[in-house]
Amino acid sequence: MKKLYFENNDCEFCFPEAYFQDLMKENGLYEIEVLKAEKYKIDDIFWCKEFQAIGEIKLDQCGRECKSYSPRNGKSGACKHYSKTLYKPG
């Protein structure tokens, strides 16, 4: 798994190192300070990789009713876009 980083404490999304390397090249910078992303989990909350959004398991927001639902095993069950892992700035 690639290490992920946040640009600052207020960012909602984290990115791999390559993203920040490109950002520095585009802006003519030699270095920037970033925050390492730390994994954490919250009960009944999940992250949808497809829509880049948080969902609630209790509301059954992930499943066959979703137009992007794609089971990991190709038949049924958990969607390949579903993740219980969330990240926060470390």
PDB file of N, CA and C in Angstrom:
ATOM      1  N   MET A   1       0.842  -1.189   0.000  1.00  0.00           N
ATOM      2  CA  MET A   1       0.000   0.000   0.000  1.00  0.00           C
ATOM      3  C   MET A   1       0.880   1.242   0.000  1.00  0.00           C
ATOM      4  N   LYS A   2       0.573   2.153  -0.896  1.00  0.00           N
ATOM      5  CA  LYS A   2       1.318   3.404  -0.963  1.00  0.00           C
ATOM      6  C   LYS A   2       0.996   4.265   0.250  1.00  0.00           C
ATOM      7  N   LYS A   3       1.995   4.993   0.710  1.00  0.00           N
ATOM      8  CA  LYS A   3       1.762   5.934   1.797  1.00  0.00           C
ATOM      9  C   LYS A   3       0.995   7.124   1.242  1.00  0.00           C
ATOM     10  N   LEU A   4       0.088   7.647   2.056  1.00  0.00           N
ATOM     11  CA  LEU A   4      -0.734   8.776   1.658  1.00  0.00           C
ATOM     12  C   LEU A   4      -0.453   9.963   2.566  1.00  0.00           C
ATOM     13  N   TYR A   5      -0.692  11.178   2.022  1.00  0.00           N
ATOM     14  CA  TYR A   5      -0.393  12.401   2.745  1.00  0.00           C
ATOM     15  C   TYR A   5      -1.488  13.437   2.521  1.00  0.00           C
ATOM     16  N   PHE A   6      -1.659  14.319   3.521  1.00  0.00           N
ATOM     17  CA  PHE A   6      -2.569  15.456   3.416  1.00  0.00           C
ATOM     18  C   PHE A   6      -1.739  16.716   3.199  1.00  0.00           C
ATOM     19  N   GLU A   7      -2.306  17.654   2.454  1.00  0.00           N
ATOM     20  CA  GLU A   7      -1.611  18.923   2.224  1.00  0.00           C
ATOM     21  C   GLU A   7      -1.576  19.766   3.500  1.00  0.00           C
ATOM     22  N   ASN A   8      -2.678  19.722   4.280  1.00  0.00           N
ATOM     23  CA  ASN A   8      -2.738  20.425   5.564  1.00  0.00           C
ATOM     24  C   ASN A   8      -3.861  19.815   6.406  1.00  0.00           C
ATOM     25  N   ASN A   9      -4.063  20.328   7.604  1.00  0.00           N
ATOM     26  CA  ASN A   9      -5.077  19.780   8.520  1.00  0.00           C
ATOM     27  C   ASN A   9      -6.509  19.940   8.029  1.00  0.00           C
ATOM     28  N   ASP A  10      -6.752  20.904   7.139  1.00  0.00           N
ATOM     29  CA  ASP A  10      -8.102  21.181   6.678  1.00  0.00           C
ATOM     30  C   ASP A  10      -8.513  20.378   5.437  1.00  0.00           C
ATOM     31  N   CYS A  11      -7.573  19.686   4.818  1.00  0.00           N
ATOM     32  CA  CYS A  11      -7.874  18.919   3.601  1.00  0.00           C
ATOM     33  C   CYS A  11      -8.739  17.709   3.918  1.00  0.00           C
ATOM     34  N   GLU A  12      -9.677  17.419   3.021  1.00  0.00           N
ATOM     35  CA  GLU A  12     -10.552  16.263   3.180  1.00  0.00           C
ATOM     36  C   GLU A  12     -10.002  15.028   2.478  1.00  0.00           C
ATOM     37  N   PHE A  13      -9.106  15.220   1.509  1.00  0.00           N
ATOM     38  CA  PHE A  13      -8.585  14.117   0.721  1.00  0.00           C
ATOM     39  C   PHE A  13      -7.080  13.996   0.900  1.00  0.00           C
ATOM     40  N   CYS A  14      -6.592  12.754   0.882  1.00  0.00           N
ATOM     41  CA  CYS A  14      -5.159  12.507   0.966  1.00  0.00           C
ATOM     42  C   CYS A  14      -4.692  11.931  -0.371  1.00  0.00           C
ATOM     43  N   PHE A  15      -3.407  12.099  -0.644  1.00  0.00           N
ATOM     44  CA  PHE A  15      -2.843  11.717  -1.937  1.00  0.00           C
ATOM     45  C   PHE A  15      -1.500  11.026  -1.756  1.00  0.00           C
ATOM     46  N   PRO A  16      -1.071  10.249  -2.758  1.00  0.00           N
ATOM     47  CA  PRO A  16       0.257   9.628  -2.692  1.00  0.00           C
ATOM     48  C   PRO A  16       1.348  10.674  -2.941  1.00  0.00           C
ATOM     49  N   GLU A  17       2.576  10.301  -2.647  1.00  0.00           N
ATOM     50  CA  GLU A  17       3.713  11.210  -2.779  1.00  0.00           C
ATOM     51  C   GLU A  17       3.840  11.782  -4.192  1.00  0.00           C
ATOM     52  N   ALA A  18       3.567  10.978  -5.207  1.00  0.00           N
ATOM     53  CA  ALA A  18       3.689  11.418  -6.600  1.00  0.00           C
ATOM     54  C   ALA A  18       2.832  12.651  -6.883  1.00  0.00           C
ATOM     55  N   TYR A  19       1.668  12.736  -6.263  1.00  0.00           N
ATOM     56  CA  TYR A  19       0.791  13.903  -6.439  1.00  0.00           C
ATOM     57  C   TYR A  19       1.509  15.174  -5.993  1.00  0.00           C
ATOM     58  N   PHE A  20       2.180  15.103  -4.843  1.00  0.00           N
ATOM     59  CA  PHE A  20       2.864  16.279  -4.312  1.00  0.00           C
ATOM     60  C   PHE A  20       4.140  16.586  -5.096  1.00  0.00           C
ATOM     61  N   GLN A  21       4.791  15.566  -5.648  1.00  0.00           N
ATOM     62  CA  GLN A  21       5.958  15.794  -6.500  1.00  0.00           C
ATOM     63  C   GLN A  21       5.536  16.591  -7.738  1.00  0.00           C
ATOM     64  N   ASP A  22       4.416  16.194  -8.350  1.00  0.00           N
ATOM     65  CA  ASP A  22       3.889  16.911  -9.516  1.00  0.00           C
ATOM     66  C   ASP A  22       3.481  18.335  -9.149  1.00  0.00           C
ATOM     67  N   LEU A  23       2.860  18.497  -7.995  1.00  0.00           N
ATOM     68  CA  LEU A  23       2.434  19.812  -7.518  1.00  0.00           C
ATOM     69  C   LEU A  23       3.632  20.744  -7.348  1.00  0.00           C
ATOM     70  N   MET A  24       4.721  20.205  -6.800  1.00  0.00           N
ATOM     71  CA  MET A  24       5.928  21.018  -6.608  1.00  0.00           C
ATOM     72  C   MET A  24       6.527  21.419  -7.958  1.00  0.00           C
ATOM     73  N   LYS A  25       6.565  20.505  -8.920  1.00  0.00           N
ATOM     74  CA  LYS A  25       7.089  20.812 -10.253  1.00  0.00           C
ATOM     75  C   LYS A  25       6.276  21.909 -10.922  1.00  0.00           C
ATOM     76  N   GLU A  26       4.941  21.782 -10.839  1.00  0.00           N
ATOM     77  CA  GLU A  26       4.048  22.766 -11.459  1.00  0.00           C
ATOM     78  C   GLU A  26       4.220  24.161 -10.873  1.00  0.00           C
ATOM     79  N   ASN A  27       4.538  24.225  -9.579  1.00  0.00           N
ATOM     80  CA  ASN A  27       4.641  25.510  -8.892  1.00  0.00           C
ATOM     81  C   ASN A  27       6.081  25.957  -8.659  1.00  0.00           C
ATOM     82  N   GLY A  28       7.048  25.234  -9.213  1.00  0.00           N
ATOM     83  CA  GLY A  28       8.449  25.606  -9.089  1.00  0.00           C
ATOM     84  C   GLY A  28       8.966  25.572  -7.656  1.00  0.00           C
ATOM     85  N   LEU A  29       8.483  24.619  -6.865  1.00  0.00           N
ATOM     86  CA  LEU A  29       8.906  24.503  -5.469  1.00  0.00           C
ATOM     87  C   LEU A  29       9.902  23.358  -5.315  1.00  0.00           C
ATOM     88  N   TYR A  30      10.807  23.510  -4.350  1.00  0.00           N
ATOM     89  CA  TYR A  30      11.788  22.458  -4.081  1.00  0.00           C
ATOM     90  C   TYR A  30      11.373  21.575  -2.916  1.00  0.00           C
ATOM     91  N   GLU A  31      10.515  22.093  -2.055  1.00  0.00           N
ATOM     92  CA  GLU A  31       9.991  21.290  -0.964  1.00  0.00           C
ATOM     93  C   GLU A  31       8.704  21.887  -0.438  1.00  0.00           C
ATOM     94  N   ILE A  32       7.856  21.024   0.088  1.00  0.00           N
ATOM     95  CA  ILE A  32       6.637  21.453   0.766  1.00  0.00           C
ATOM     96  C   ILE A  32       6.460  20.561   1.990  1.00  0.00           C
ATOM     97  N   GLU A  33       5.721  21.038   2.954  1.00  0.00           N
ATOM     98  CA  GLU A  33       5.457  20.262   4.150  1.00  0.00           C
ATOM     99  C   GLU A  33       4.078  19.628   4.026  1.00  0.00           C
ATOM    100  N   VAL A  34       4.008  18.323   4.241  1.00  0.00           N
ATOM    101  CA  VAL A  34       2.753  17.587   4.171  1.00  0.00           C
ATOM    102  C   VAL A  34       2.573  16.800   5.468  1.00  0.00           C
ATOM    103  N   LEU A  35       1.362  16.323   5.687  1.00  0.00           N
ATOM    104  CA  LEU A  35       1.046  15.532   6.877  1.00  0.00           C
ATOM    105  C   LEU A  35       0.762  14.096   6.476  1.00  0.00           C
ATOM    106  N   LYS A  36       1.377  13.165   7.152  1.00  0.00           N
ATOM    107  CA  LYS A  36       1.169  11.751   6.867  1.00  0.00           C
ATOM    108  C   LYS A  36      -0.259  11.351   7.237  1.00  0.00           C
ATOM    109  N   ALA A  37      -0.884  10.576   6.380  1.00  0.00           N
ATOM    110  CA  ALA A  37      -2.250  10.099   6.633  1.00  0.00           C
ATOM    111  C   ALA A  37      -2.215   8.883   7.545  1.00  0.00           C
ATOM    112  N   GLU A  38      -3.061   8.907   8.569  1.00  0.00           N
ATOM    113  CA  GLU A  38      -3.177   7.785   9.504  1.00  0.00           C
ATOM    114  C   GLU A  38      -4.531   7.115   9.313  1.00  0.00           C
ATOM    115  N   LYS A  39      -4.527   5.792   9.300  1.00  0.00           N
ATOM    116  CA  LYS A  39      -5.765   5.028   9.153  1.00  0.00           C
ATOM    117  C   LYS A  39      -6.562   5.045  10.454  1.00  0.00           C
ATOM    118  N   TYR A  40      -7.878   5.058  10.299  1.00  0.00           N
ATOM    119  CA  TYR A  40      -8.769   4.884  11.443  1.00  0.00           C
ATOM    120  C   TYR A  40     -10.119   4.383  10.938  1.00  0.00           C
ATOM    121  N   LYS A  41     -10.928   3.893  11.848  1.00  0.00           N
ATOM    122  CA  LYS A  41     -12.252   3.361  11.482  1.00  0.00           C
ATOM    123  C   LYS A  41     -13.305   3.917  12.422  1.00  0.00           C
ATOM    124  N   ILE A  42     -14.509   4.100  11.878  1.00  0.00           N
ATOM    125  CA  ILE A  42     -15.662   4.541  12.656  1.00  0.00           C
ATOM    126  C   ILE A  42     -16.758   3.503  12.426  1.00  0.00           C
ATOM    127  N   ASP A  43     -17.351   3.017  13.502  1.00  0.00           N
ATOM    128  CA  ASP A  43     -18.435   2.044  13.366  1.00  0.00           C
ATOM    129  C   ASP A  43     -19.560   2.616  12.505  1.00  0.00           C
ATOM    130  N   ASP A  44     -20.079   1.790  11.614  1.00  0.00           N
ATOM    131  CA  ASP A  44     -21.228   2.113  10.758  1.00  0.00           C
ATOM    132  C   ASP A  44     -20.958   3.187   9.711  1.00  0.00           C
ATOM    133  N   ILE A  45     -19.694   3.491   9.452  1.00  0.00           N
ATOM    134  CA  ILE A  45     -19.328   4.456   8.414  1.00  0.00           C
ATOM    135  C   ILE A  45     -18.399   3.757   7.425  1.00  0.00           C
ATOM    136  N   PHE A  46     -18.560   4.059   6.123  1.00  0.00           N
ATOM    137  CA  PHE A  46     -17.671   3.489   5.119  1.00  0.00           C
ATOM    138  C   PHE A  46     -17.298   4.566   4.098  1.00  0.00           C
ATOM    139  N   TRP A  47     -16.265   4.273   3.315  1.00  0.00           N
ATOM    140  CA  TRP A  47     -15.794   5.176   2.267  1.00  0.00           C
ATOM    141  C   TRP A  47     -16.066   4.521   0.924  1.00  0.00           C
ATOM    142  N   CYS A  48     -16.722   5.251   0.026  1.00  0.00           N
ATOM    143  CA  CYS A  48     -16.969   4.758  -1.330  1.00  0.00           C
ATOM    144  C   CYS A  48     -15.876   5.318  -2.239  1.00  0.00           C
ATOM    145  N   LYS A  49     -15.030   4.439  -2.761  1.00  0.00           N
ATOM    146  CA  LYS A  49     -13.926   4.853  -3.631  1.00  0.00           C
ATOM    147  C   LYS A  49     -14.436   5.392  -4.965  1.00  0.00           C
ATOM    148  N   GLU A  50     -15.567   4.891  -5.422  1.00  0.00           N
ATOM    149  CA  GLU A  50     -16.136   5.319  -6.706  1.00  0.00           C
ATOM    150  C   GLU A  50     -16.612   6.770  -6.655  1.00  0.00           C
ATOM    151  N   PHE A  51     -17.357   7.110  -5.614  1.00  0.00           N
ATOM    152  CA  PHE A  51     -17.939   8.450  -5.509  1.00  0.00           C
ATOM    153  C   PHE A  51     -17.133   9.382  -4.608  1.00  0.00           C
ATOM    154  N   GLN A  52     -16.026   8.854  -4.012  1.00  0.00           N
ATOM    155  CA  GLN A  52     -15.179   9.650  -3.123  1.00  0.00           C
ATOM    156  C   GLN A  52     -16.021  10.321  -2.042  1.00  0.00           C
ATOM    157  N   ALA A  53     -16.824   9.498  -1.367  1.00  0.00           N
ATOM    158  CA  ALA A  53     -17.747  10.020  -0.368  1.00  0.00           C
ATOM    159  C   ALA A  53     -17.903   9.037   0.791  1.00  0.00           C
ATOM    160  N   ILE A  54     -18.286   9.583   1.938  1.00  0.00           N
ATOM    161  CA  ILE A  54     -18.566   8.786   3.120  1.00  0.00           C
ATOM    162  C   ILE A  54     -20.034   8.378   3.097  1.00  0.00           C
ATOM    163  N   GLY A  55     -20.313   7.154   3.522  1.00  0.00           N
ATOM    164  CA  GLY A  55     -21.689   6.667   3.600  1.00  0.00           C
ATOM    165  C   GLY A  55     -21.937   6.018   4.943  1.00  0.00           C
ATOM    166  N   GLU A  56     -23.207   5.817   5.244  1.00  0.00           N
ATOM    167  CA  GLU A  56     -23.591   5.162   6.492  1.00  0.00           C
ATOM    168  C   GLU A  56     -24.127   3.774   6.196  1.00  0.00           C
ATOM    169  N   ILE A  57     -23.580   2.790   6.881  1.00  0.00           N
ATOM    170  CA  ILE A  57     -23.999   1.401   6.679  1.00  0.00           C
ATOM    171  C   ILE A  57     -25.459   1.227   7.086  1.00  0.00           C
ATOM    172  N   LYS A  58     -25.883   1.876   8.170  1.00  0.00           N
ATOM    173  CA  LYS A  58     -27.261   1.738   8.653  1.00  0.00           C
ATOM    174  C   LYS A  58     -28.280   2.201   7.618  1.00  0.00           C
ATOM    175  N   LEU A  59     -27.913   3.161   6.777  1.00  0.00           N
ATOM    176  CA  LEU A  59     -28.828   3.662   5.758  1.00  0.00           C
ATOM    177  C   LEU A  59     -28.800   2.790   4.505  1.00  0.00           C
ATOM    178  N   ASP A  60     -27.961   1.747   4.518  1.00  0.00           N
ATOM    179  CA  ASP A  60     -27.869   0.808   3.396  1.00  0.00           C
ATOM    180  C   ASP A  60     -27.591   1.532   2.086  1.00  0.00           C
ATOM    181  N   GLN A  61     -26.620   2.445   2.115  1.00  0.00           N
ATOM    182  CA  GLN A  61     -26.296   3.253   0.940  1.00  0.00           C
ATOM    183  C   GLN A  61     -25.418   2.525  -0.071  1.00  0.00           C
ATOM    184  N   CYS A  62     -24.916   1.374   0.291  1.00  0.00           N
ATOM    185  CA  CYS A  62     -24.041   0.625  -0.607  1.00  0.00           C
ATOM    186  C   CYS A  62     -24.676  -0.729  -0.893  1.00  0.00           C
ATOM    187  N   GLY A  63     -24.926  -1.004  -2.143  1.00  0.00           N
ATOM    188  CA  GLY A  63     -25.522  -2.285  -2.502  1.00  0.00           C
ATOM    189  C   GLY A  63     -26.097  -2.260  -3.898  1.00  0.00           C
ATOM    190  N   ARG A  64     -26.938  -3.215  -4.166  1.00  0.00           N
ATOM    191  CA  ARG A  64     -27.495  -3.382  -5.512  1.00  0.00           C
ATOM    192  C   ARG A  64     -28.234  -2.153  -6.036  1.00  0.00           C
ATOM    193  N   GLU A  65     -28.790  -1.331  -5.143  1.00  0.00           N
ATOM    194  CA  GLU A  65     -29.522  -0.147  -5.600  1.00  0.00           C
ATOM    195  C   GLU A  65     -28.599   0.943  -6.146  1.00  0.00           C
ATOM    196  N   CYS A  66     -27.297   0.831  -5.918  1.00  0.00           N
ATOM    197  CA  CYS A  66     -26.320   1.807  -6.414  1.00  0.00           C
ATOM    198  C   CYS A  66     -25.969   1.479  -7.865  1.00  0.00           C
ATOM    199  N   LYS A  67     -25.960   2.475  -8.729  1.00  0.00           N
ATOM    200  CA  LYS A  67     -25.685   2.236 -10.147  1.00  0.00           C
ATOM    201  C   LYS A  67     -24.238   1.800 -10.406  1.00  0.00           C
ATOM    202  N   SER A  68     -23.339   2.065  -9.462  1.00  0.00           N
ATOM    203  CA  SER A  68     -21.937   1.664  -9.622  1.00  0.00           C
ATOM    204  C   SER A  68     -21.570   0.411  -8.829  1.00  0.00           C
ATOM    205  N   TYR A  69     -22.569  -0.255  -8.260  1.00  0.00           N
ATOM    206  CA  TYR A  69     -22.328  -1.477  -7.481  1.00  0.00           C
ATOM    207  C   TYR A  69     -21.647  -2.519  -8.343  1.00  0.00           C
ATOM    208  N   SER A  70     -20.534  -3.030  -7.838  1.00  0.00           N
ATOM    209  CA  SER A  70     -19.780  -4.060  -8.550  1.00  0.00           C
ATOM    210  C   SER A  70     -19.187  -5.009  -7.506  1.00  0.00           C
ATOM    211  N   PRO A  71     -19.786  -6.186  -7.317  1.00  0.00           N
ATOM    212  CA  PRO A  71     -19.320  -7.103  -6.275  1.00  0.00           C
ATOM    213  C   PRO A  71     -17.869  -7.536  -6.488  1.00  0.00           C
ATOM    214  N   ARG A  72     -17.133  -7.634  -5.384  1.00  0.00           N
ATOM    215  CA  ARG A  72     -15.720  -8.027  -5.445  1.00  0.00           C
ATOM    216  C   ARG A  72     -15.527  -9.406  -6.064  1.00  0.00           C
ATOM    217  N   ASN A  73     -16.441 -10.303  -5.783  1.00  0.00           N
ATOM    218  CA  ASN A  73     -16.293 -11.676  -6.295  1.00  0.00           C
ATOM    219  C   ASN A  73     -16.988 -11.866  -7.646  1.00  0.00           C
ATOM    220  N   GLY A  74     -17.582 -10.801  -8.187  1.00  0.00           N
ATOM    221  CA  GLY A  74     -18.242 -10.876  -9.487  1.00  0.00           C
ATOM    222  C   GLY A  74     -19.654 -11.411  -9.448  1.00  0.00           C
ATOM    223  N   LYS A  75     -20.162 -11.799  -8.263  1.00  0.00           N
ATOM    224  CA  LYS A  75     -21.500 -12.378  -8.157  1.00  0.00           C
ATOM    225  C   LYS A  75     -22.405 -11.580  -7.228  1.00  0.00           C
ATOM    226  N   SER A  76     -21.996 -11.482  -5.969  1.00  0.00           N
ATOM    227  CA  SER A  76     -22.800 -10.783  -4.973  1.00  0.00           C
ATOM    228  C   SER A  76     -21.901 -10.436  -3.785  1.00  0.00           C
ATOM    229  N   GLY A  77     -22.430  -9.683  -2.854  1.00  0.00           N
ATOM    230  CA  GLY A  77     -21.666  -9.351  -1.654  1.00  0.00           C
ATOM    231  C   GLY A  77     -21.096  -7.955  -1.685  1.00  0.00           C
ATOM    232  N   ALA A  78     -19.994  -7.766  -0.961  1.00  0.00           N
ATOM    233  CA  ALA A  78     -19.396  -6.435  -0.807  1.00  0.00           C
ATOM    234  C   ALA A  78     -18.935  -5.865  -2.151  1.00  0.00           C
ATOM    235  N   CYS A  79     -19.176  -4.596  -2.323  1.00  0.00           N
ATOM    236  CA  CYS A  79     -18.799  -3.887  -3.544  1.00  0.00           C
ATOM    237  C   CYS A  79     -17.288  -3.636  -3.559  1.00  0.00           C
ATOM    238  N   LYS A  80     -16.690  -3.633  -4.741  1.00  0.00           N
ATOM    239  CA  LYS A  80     -15.251  -3.395  -4.835  1.00  0.00           C
ATOM    240  C   LYS A  80     -14.886  -1.950  -4.493  1.00  0.00           C
ATOM    241  N   HIS A  81     -15.857  -1.058  -4.461  1.00  0.00           N
ATOM    242  CA  HIS A  81     -15.615   0.349  -4.138  1.00  0.00           C
ATOM    243  C   HIS A  81     -15.758   0.634  -2.640  1.00  0.00           C
ATOM    244  N   TYR A  82     -16.227  -0.339  -1.873  1.00  0.00           N
ATOM    245  CA  TYR A  82     -16.500  -0.208  -0.442  1.00  0.00           C
ATOM    246  C   TYR A  82     -15.221  -0.344   0.378  1.00  0.00           C
ATOM    247  N   SER A  83     -15.013   0.560   1.332  1.00  0.00           N
ATOM    248  CA  SER A  83     -13.854   0.461   2.216  1.00  0.00           C
ATOM    249  C   SER A  83     -14.220   0.960   3.603  1.00  0.00           C
ATOM    250  N   LYS A  84     -13.809   0.218   4.626  1.00  0.00           N
ATOM    251  CA  LYS A  84     -14.030   0.637   6.018  1.00  0.00           C
ATOM    252  C   LYS A  84     -12.881   1.527   6.507  1.00  0.00           C
ATOM    253  N   THR A  85     -11.826   1.663   5.716  1.00  0.00           N
ATOM    254  CA  THR A  85     -10.663   2.444   6.123  1.00  0.00           C
ATOM    255  C   THR A  85     -10.848   3.923   5.769  1.00  0.00           C
ATOM    256  N   LEU A  86     -10.699   4.757   6.759  1.00  0.00           N
ATOM    257  CA  LEU A  86     -10.732   6.211   6.588  1.00  0.00           C
ATOM    258  C   LEU A  86      -9.345   6.738   6.965  1.00  0.00           C
ATOM    259  N   TYR A  87      -9.055   7.974   6.600  1.00  0.00           N
ATOM    260  CA  TYR A  87      -7.753   8.555   6.899  1.00  0.00           C
ATOM    261  C   TYR A  87      -7.922   9.928   7.552  1.00  0.00           C
ATOM    262  N   LYS A  88      -6.976  10.250   8.435  1.00  0.00           N
ATOM    263  CA  LYS A  88      -6.944  11.573   9.078  1.00  0.00           C
ATOM    264  C   LYS A  88      -5.498  12.050   9.081  1.00  0.00           C
ATOM    265  N   PRO A  89      -5.289  13.367   9.109  1.00  0.00           N
ATOM    266  CA  PRO A  89      -3.911  13.877   9.165  1.00  0.00           C
ATOM    267  C   PRO A  89      -3.227  13.455  10.444  1.00  0.00           C
ATOM    268  N   GLY A  90      -1.976  13.016  10.321  1.00  0.00           N
ATOM    269  CA  GLY A  90      -1.227  12.563  11.487  1.00  0.00           C
ATOM    270  C   GLY A  90      -0.225  13.581  11.972  1.00  0.00           C
TER     271      GLY A  90
END
